[in-house]
Amino acid sequence: MDAGPPQIIPTSALTRKPPAEQSSGAAAAETASEAAAAAAATGPRVYLETYGCQMNVADSDMLTGILLDAGYRRAASADAADVILINTCAVRERAEDKVLARARQLSALKRQRPDMVLGIAGCMAEHLKDSLLEQAPYVDIVAGPDSYRRMGELLARARDLAAPAAGERADSDAPRPVRAPGVGAQVVDVQLDKGETYEGLSGALGGDGISGFVTIQRGCDKFCTFCVVPFTRGRERGSAPREILRQVRAYVEAGYREVVLLGQTVNSYRYEDVGFAELLRAVARVDGLERIRFTSPYPVDFTAEVIDAIASEDKVCKYVHLPLQSGSDEVLARMRRGYTVDDFRAIVAALRARMPDIAISTDILSSFSGETEADHQATLALMRELRFDSAFMFRYSERSLTYAAKKLPDDVSEADKKRRLAEIIALQERISAEVFAAQIGKRERVLLHNRSKRSDQQLVGRTDGFKSVIVPAAGLAIGDIVEVEIERATMATLFGRPIGDAAAGNRDTRTNETTEGGAHP
């Protein structure tokens, strides 16, 4: 998988907003959840923290929905929780180090409350498996990304073991195993399931209430030599179109304006005879949906049909995250990316030929095994040529289980790794500043999604090309779509003013009526 920026999202951001209508399977689940509603008022309190990609955010939303339906209730903070789950990333070593540090910090709560359950879920759990317990013996649950249907059962086992740490159960004469101090329940479920797509489950419909994540594909069959994702997410499998459309409609009915279709290699999606292009067109037919985004695609799967669907469907945003990784054919071959530099150029050219104003971002992985100074310079040259709007840039870190870790030396010096990444970042910052400055004077249709962190008098939105725009908040509301004239820019943010009907208060709202200030419910 080609990774975007890491995210840390607490469970309080995932708010339950059930849709007005559901499929029969989901309706049955909702009926079952009614029985748990009474228990929810006094049920165990759960707190989730999410690290990593947007798919992890979507998984945490789904996991929140599963646990709410099982009678759990949300904790506002880790301190107030009976159960703490950390949903994790394994793409880079640094991400795992952050989780281990956070788990150590949270273990202090277990010393104060031995019956509290601490779990690590997601890709890091799948990557490290039982060895995670050697590094963090106080952890009670290690749960891979295909175990979430069973999370209620796993938690019940862990909570049962974590209830008085020694002696006998308060409600039973049955003897309990005695654990050493500081050792968790150590319940492990890391079995990958090549058929699991979580069909029929409803998430908590969390996030910002504007943009909802829909996972359409799980797993990856590419096996790039540096990437651990096939080992943590399993093989590729697509969700049924009916399930995807059910989730999209649920978001629309709950007032969301945009959906983001997610997959490890999202444009590789296939379910029976339905490919990604056909799916994009089907989602675009959902009434009430304003925008469609998707991430992360794989370069070689950008077929003419996919490009045509992006170009011809008005609801599909004209923005593509197209991971390059390296500008050297030799490095790309060692990575087993499946394309050459010329192949990549051709894909960018095809996208820009159909959509001249399309925004393109990328990933750059610097200092992979065997990368020479000439390879590095080739990457810089290709960045200058293709001029990406933005980029996620990283230096290579070895991941166990991968071909590169087993067979290829990590042979670029630390000094060269630091210098090369710094040069890549500096170049992209210059290019981004120029690309963003070129937007000044242009008009953009902006979906407002939040208040500015700097001022309550400003709102933040996204353009069709996924650029952040800050506008005055007066007369506008979160969830509005407004036409904005760009007045100034930094290398990462645009600033503008509403124009035309938007300035007059007649902008495109969720209800097609003017709303005075404030956020939509």
Foldseek 3Di string as FASTA:
>chain_A
DFFDDKDKDKPVQQAAQWFPDFPPLLVVLVVLLVVLVVLLVVPFEEMEIEITHVVSVQLSQLLQQLVSSVNHHYDPDLLRGLEYEYAFDFFFPVRVVVVLVVLVVSLVSCVVPQLRAYEYEEQVLLQCPLVVCVSQQLHAERYASQCSNCVVVSVVQQSVCSPPQAFPDPVDPDHHDHDDPSGGNPHYDNDADPPDPPFSGDGSLGHLLAEEEAEFKWADDQQFQQGCGCSRTNHIDGDDLVRRLSRLLRSQSSLYQEYEYEYPARQCDDDPHDGPLNSLVVSLPDPRHQAYHYDDHQLVSCDPSNLCSCLPRNRYFLAYEYADQFLQQVVCVNRSSPDHNVSNVVSLVSNCVSPVPRAYEYEYEPQQFPQDPVRLVSRLVVCVVSLHLYYHYYYGDHRPPGNCNVPTDSPDDPVVSVVSRVVVVVSNLVSLQVVFQVQAQPKFWWQWRAADPVDNQWTWTAGSHGAIEIEGQFQHEHGWTFIWHFHGDHSRYTYTYGDDCVVVQQTHHSVSHGDGGYYDD
